[in-house]
C-alpha atoms as a PDB file:
ATOM      1  CA  MET A   1     -37.034  15.531  86.522  1.00  0.00           C
ATOM      2  CA  ILE A   2     -34.172  17.985  87.050  1.00  0.00           C
ATOM      3  CA  TYR A   3     -33.755  21.218  85.139  1.00  0.00           C
ATOM      4  CA  ILE A   4     -30.140  22.100  84.396  1.00  0.00           C
ATOM      5  CA  VAL A   5     -29.181  25.702  83.594  1.00  0.00           C
ATOM      6  CA  THR A   6     -26.266  26.119  81.197  1.00  0.00           C
ATOM      7  CA  MET A   7     -24.795  29.533  80.450  1.00  0.00           C
ATOM      8  CA  ILE A   8     -23.430  30.284  76.963  1.00  0.00           C
ATOM      9  CA  ASP A   9     -21.386  33.319  75.960  1.00  0.00           C
ATOM     10  CA  SER A  10     -22.015  33.356  72.199  1.00  0.00           C
ATOM     11  CA  PHE A  11     -21.974  31.133  69.182  1.00  0.00           C
ATOM     12  CA  LYS A  12     -19.074  30.994  66.782  1.00  0.00           C
ATOM     13  CA  ASN A  13     -19.444  33.059  63.650  1.00  0.00           C
ATOM     14  CA  GLU A  14     -20.763  31.708  60.378  1.00  0.00           C
ATOM     15  CA  GLN A  15     -17.338  30.642  59.084  1.00  0.00           C
ATOM     16  CA  ASN A  16     -16.164  28.529  62.034  1.00  0.00           C
ATOM     17  CA  ALA A  17     -19.359  27.628  63.878  1.00  0.00           C
ATOM     18  CA  LYS A  18     -20.184  24.449  62.021  1.00  0.00           C
ATOM     19  CA  PHE A  19     -18.628  21.071  62.370  1.00  0.00           C
ATOM     20  CA  SER A  20     -19.587  17.655  61.109  1.00  0.00           C
ATOM     21  CA  SER A  21     -19.282  14.931  63.687  1.00  0.00           C
ATOM     22  CA  PRO A  22     -16.949  12.180  62.498  1.00  0.00           C
ATOM     23  CA  VAL A  23     -19.017   9.612  64.410  1.00  0.00           C
ATOM     24  CA  SER A  24     -22.413  10.819  63.201  1.00  0.00           C
ATOM     25  CA  ASN A  25     -24.357   8.516  60.917  1.00  0.00           C
ATOM     26  CA  THR A  26     -26.158  11.525  59.461  1.00  0.00           C
ATOM     27  CA  LYS A  27     -23.085  13.714  59.070  1.00  0.00           C
ATOM     28  CA  GLY A  28     -25.183  16.534  60.462  1.00  0.00           C
ATOM     29  CA  ILE A  29     -23.879  20.041  60.880  1.00  0.00           C
ATOM     30  CA  TYR A  30     -23.976  21.381  64.424  1.00  0.00           C
ATOM     31  CA  TRP A  31     -23.509  24.870  65.848  1.00  0.00           C
ATOM     32  CA  MET A  32     -21.317  25.007  68.911  1.00  0.00           C
ATOM     33  CA  PRO A  33     -20.949  27.757  71.516  1.00  0.00           C
ATOM     34  CA  ASP A  34     -17.635  29.507  72.062  1.00  0.00           C
ATOM     35  CA  ASP A  35     -17.852  28.829  75.802  1.00  0.00           C
ATOM     36  CA  SER A  36     -20.428  27.356  78.158  1.00  0.00           C
ATOM     37  CA  TRP A  37     -20.709  26.174  81.749  1.00  0.00           C
ATOM     38  CA  ILE A  38     -23.356  24.615  83.944  1.00  0.00           C
ATOM     39  CA  ALA A  39     -24.518  27.142  86.506  1.00  0.00           C
ATOM     40  CA  GLY A  40     -26.784  24.819  88.489  1.00  0.00           C
ATOM     41  CA  TYR A  41     -29.963  22.782  88.525  1.00  0.00           C
ATOM     42  CA  PHE A  42     -33.500  22.964  89.901  1.00  0.00           C
ATOM     43  CA  THR A  43     -36.220  20.436  90.594  1.00  0.00           C
ATOM     44  CA  ASP A  44     -38.945  23.001  89.849  1.00  0.00           C
ATOM     45  CA  LEU A  45     -39.194  24.316  86.276  1.00  0.00           C
ATOM     46  CA  LYS A  46     -40.986  27.535  87.246  1.00  0.00           C
ATOM     47  CA  GLU A  47     -38.253  28.361  89.754  1.00  0.00           C
ATOM     48  CA  ALA A  48     -35.552  27.654  87.164  1.00  0.00           C
ATOM     49  CA  ILE A  49     -37.224  29.913  84.606  1.00  0.00           C
ATOM     50  CA  GLN A  50     -37.818  32.753  87.054  1.00  0.00           C
ATOM     51  CA  SER A  51     -34.237  32.509  88.373  1.00  0.00           C
ATOM     52  CA  VAL A  52     -32.867  32.861  84.858  1.00  0.00           C
ATOM     53  CA  ILE A  53     -35.233  35.723  83.945  1.00  0.00           C
ATOM     54  CA  ASP A  54     -34.358  37.599  87.145  1.00  0.00           C
ATOM     55  CA  ASN A  55     -30.603  36.930  86.758  1.00  0.00           C
ATOM     56  CA  VAL A  56     -30.504  35.536  90.299  1.00  0.00           C
ATOM     57  CA  ALA A  57     -26.998  35.496  91.808  1.00  0.00           C
ATOM     58  CA  ASP A  58     -25.857  37.504  88.757  1.00  0.00           C
ATOM     59  CA  VAL A  59     -25.691  34.198  86.895  1.00  0.00           C
ATOM     60  CA  PHE A  60     -25.135  35.948  83.538  1.00  0.00           C
ATOM     61  CA  GLU A  61     -22.132  37.775  85.089  1.00  0.00           C
ATOM     62  CA  HIS A  62     -22.412  40.431  82.346  1.00  0.00           C
ATOM     63  CA  CYS A  63     -20.481  38.131  80.044  1.00  0.00           C
ATOM     64  CA  TYR A  64     -22.907  35.341  79.130  1.00  0.00           C
ATOM     65  CA  ASN A  65     -25.465  36.121  76.445  1.00  0.00           C
ATOM     66  CA  TYR A  66     -27.612  32.986  76.594  1.00  0.00           C
ATOM     67  CA  ALA A  67     -28.981  30.478  79.059  1.00  0.00           C
ATOM     68  CA  VAL A  68     -30.551  27.162  78.197  1.00  0.00           C
ATOM     69  CA  ILE A  69     -32.667  25.161  80.638  1.00  0.00           C
ATOM     70  CA  GLU A  70     -32.790  21.455  79.836  1.00  0.00           C
ATOM     71  CA  GLY A  71     -35.035  18.943  81.581  1.00  0.00           C
ATOM     72  CA  TYR A  72     -33.723  15.439  82.270  1.00  0.00           C
ATOM     73  CA  GLU A  73     -35.149  12.342  83.882  1.00  0.00           C
ATOM     74  CA  GLU A  74     -32.754  10.433  86.131  1.00  0.00           C
ATOM     75  CA  GLY A  75     -30.784   7.492  84.777  1.00  0.00           C
ATOM     76  CA  PHE A  76     -27.949   6.637  82.456  1.00  0.00           C
ATOM     77  CA  TYR A  77     -27.427   8.301  79.071  1.00  0.00           C
ATOM     78  CA  PRO A  78     -29.883  11.135  79.683  1.00  0.00           C
ATOM     79  CA  VAL A  79     -31.532  12.923  76.787  1.00  0.00           C
ATOM     80  CA  ALA A  80     -32.959  16.414  77.248  1.00  0.00           C
ATOM     81  CA  GLU A  81     -36.735  16.087  77.197  1.00  0.00           C
ATOM     82  CA  LEU A  82     -37.313  19.813  77.517  1.00  0.00           C
ATOM     83  CA  THR A  83     -35.305  22.762  76.217  1.00  0.00           C
ATOM     84  CA  ARG A  84     -36.003  26.465  76.931  1.00  0.00           C
ATOM     85  CA  TRP A  85     -33.717  29.260  75.672  1.00  0.00           C
ATOM     86  CA  PHE A  86     -33.143  32.741  77.142  1.00  0.00           C
ATOM     87  CA  LYS A  87     -31.152  35.785  76.032  1.00  0.00           C
ATOM     88  CA  TYR A  88     -29.682  38.271  78.483  1.00  0.00           C
ATOM     89  CA  ASP A  89     -30.421  42.009  78.202  1.00  0.00           C
ATOM     90  CA  ALA A  90     -27.708  43.968  80.015  1.00  0.00           C
ATOM     91  CA  GLU A  91     -29.706  47.195  80.024  1.00  0.00           C
ATOM     92  CA  SER A  92     -32.558  45.723  82.069  1.00  0.00           C
ATOM     93  CA  ASP A  93     -30.351  43.113  83.771  1.00  0.00           C
ATOM     94  CA  LYS A  94     -33.029  40.532  82.912  1.00  0.00           C
ATOM     95  CA  ALA A  95     -33.324  37.654  80.473  1.00  0.00           C
ATOM     96  CA  PHE A  96     -36.206  36.927  78.142  1.00  0.00           C
ATOM     97  CA  GLU A  97     -37.258  33.673  76.501  1.00  0.00           C
ATOM     98  CA  ILE A  98     -36.351  33.199  72.860  1.00  0.00           C
ATOM     99  CA  GLU A  99     -36.532  30.559  70.174  1.00  0.00           C
ATOM    100  CA  SER A 100     -33.450  28.390  69.903  1.00  0.00           C
ATOM    101  CA  PRO A 101     -30.631  30.440  68.336  1.00  0.00           C
ATOM    102  CA  LEU A 102     -29.306  27.318  66.664  1.00  0.00           C
ATOM    103  CA  HIS A 103     -29.705  26.158  63.105  1.00  0.00           C
ATOM    104  CA  ASN A 104     -30.708  22.679  64.231  1.00  0.00           C
ATOM    105  CA  ASN A 105     -32.217  20.980  67.244  1.00  0.00           C
ATOM    106  CA  VAL A 106     -29.041  20.427  69.287  1.00  0.00           C
ATOM    107  CA  ARG A 107     -29.687  19.265  72.851  1.00  0.00           C
ATOM    108  CA  GLY A 108     -27.542  18.029  75.666  1.00  0.00           C
ATOM    109  CA  TYR A 109     -25.473  21.060  76.645  1.00  0.00           C
ATOM    110  CA  ALA A 110     -25.537  19.812  80.237  1.00  0.00           C
ATOM    111  CA  PHE A 111     -24.255  16.325  79.449  1.00  0.00           C
END
């Protein structure tokens, strides 16, 4: 399994955050980030978590508020089997684990 770290700046506000996928059978409402990028991946979950918590390589760059670590098995059409969320604290220059800031169980920020 690989663990992909995606950085997210913030989520759109209440008025423009939601969209309904035109191809969704459920017509679910999803919350999307304003901006995100994949910072890297790890093969060891503990190393990925500690690297995010410690802000290794200044990965939050004092502009990203969230990080999500998603675990994927190799193969086509991967689905995140593990999701861990973190929020950056600029004062301590560390991140701490949080519950998902989303209003639903969106996964797949890396793919």
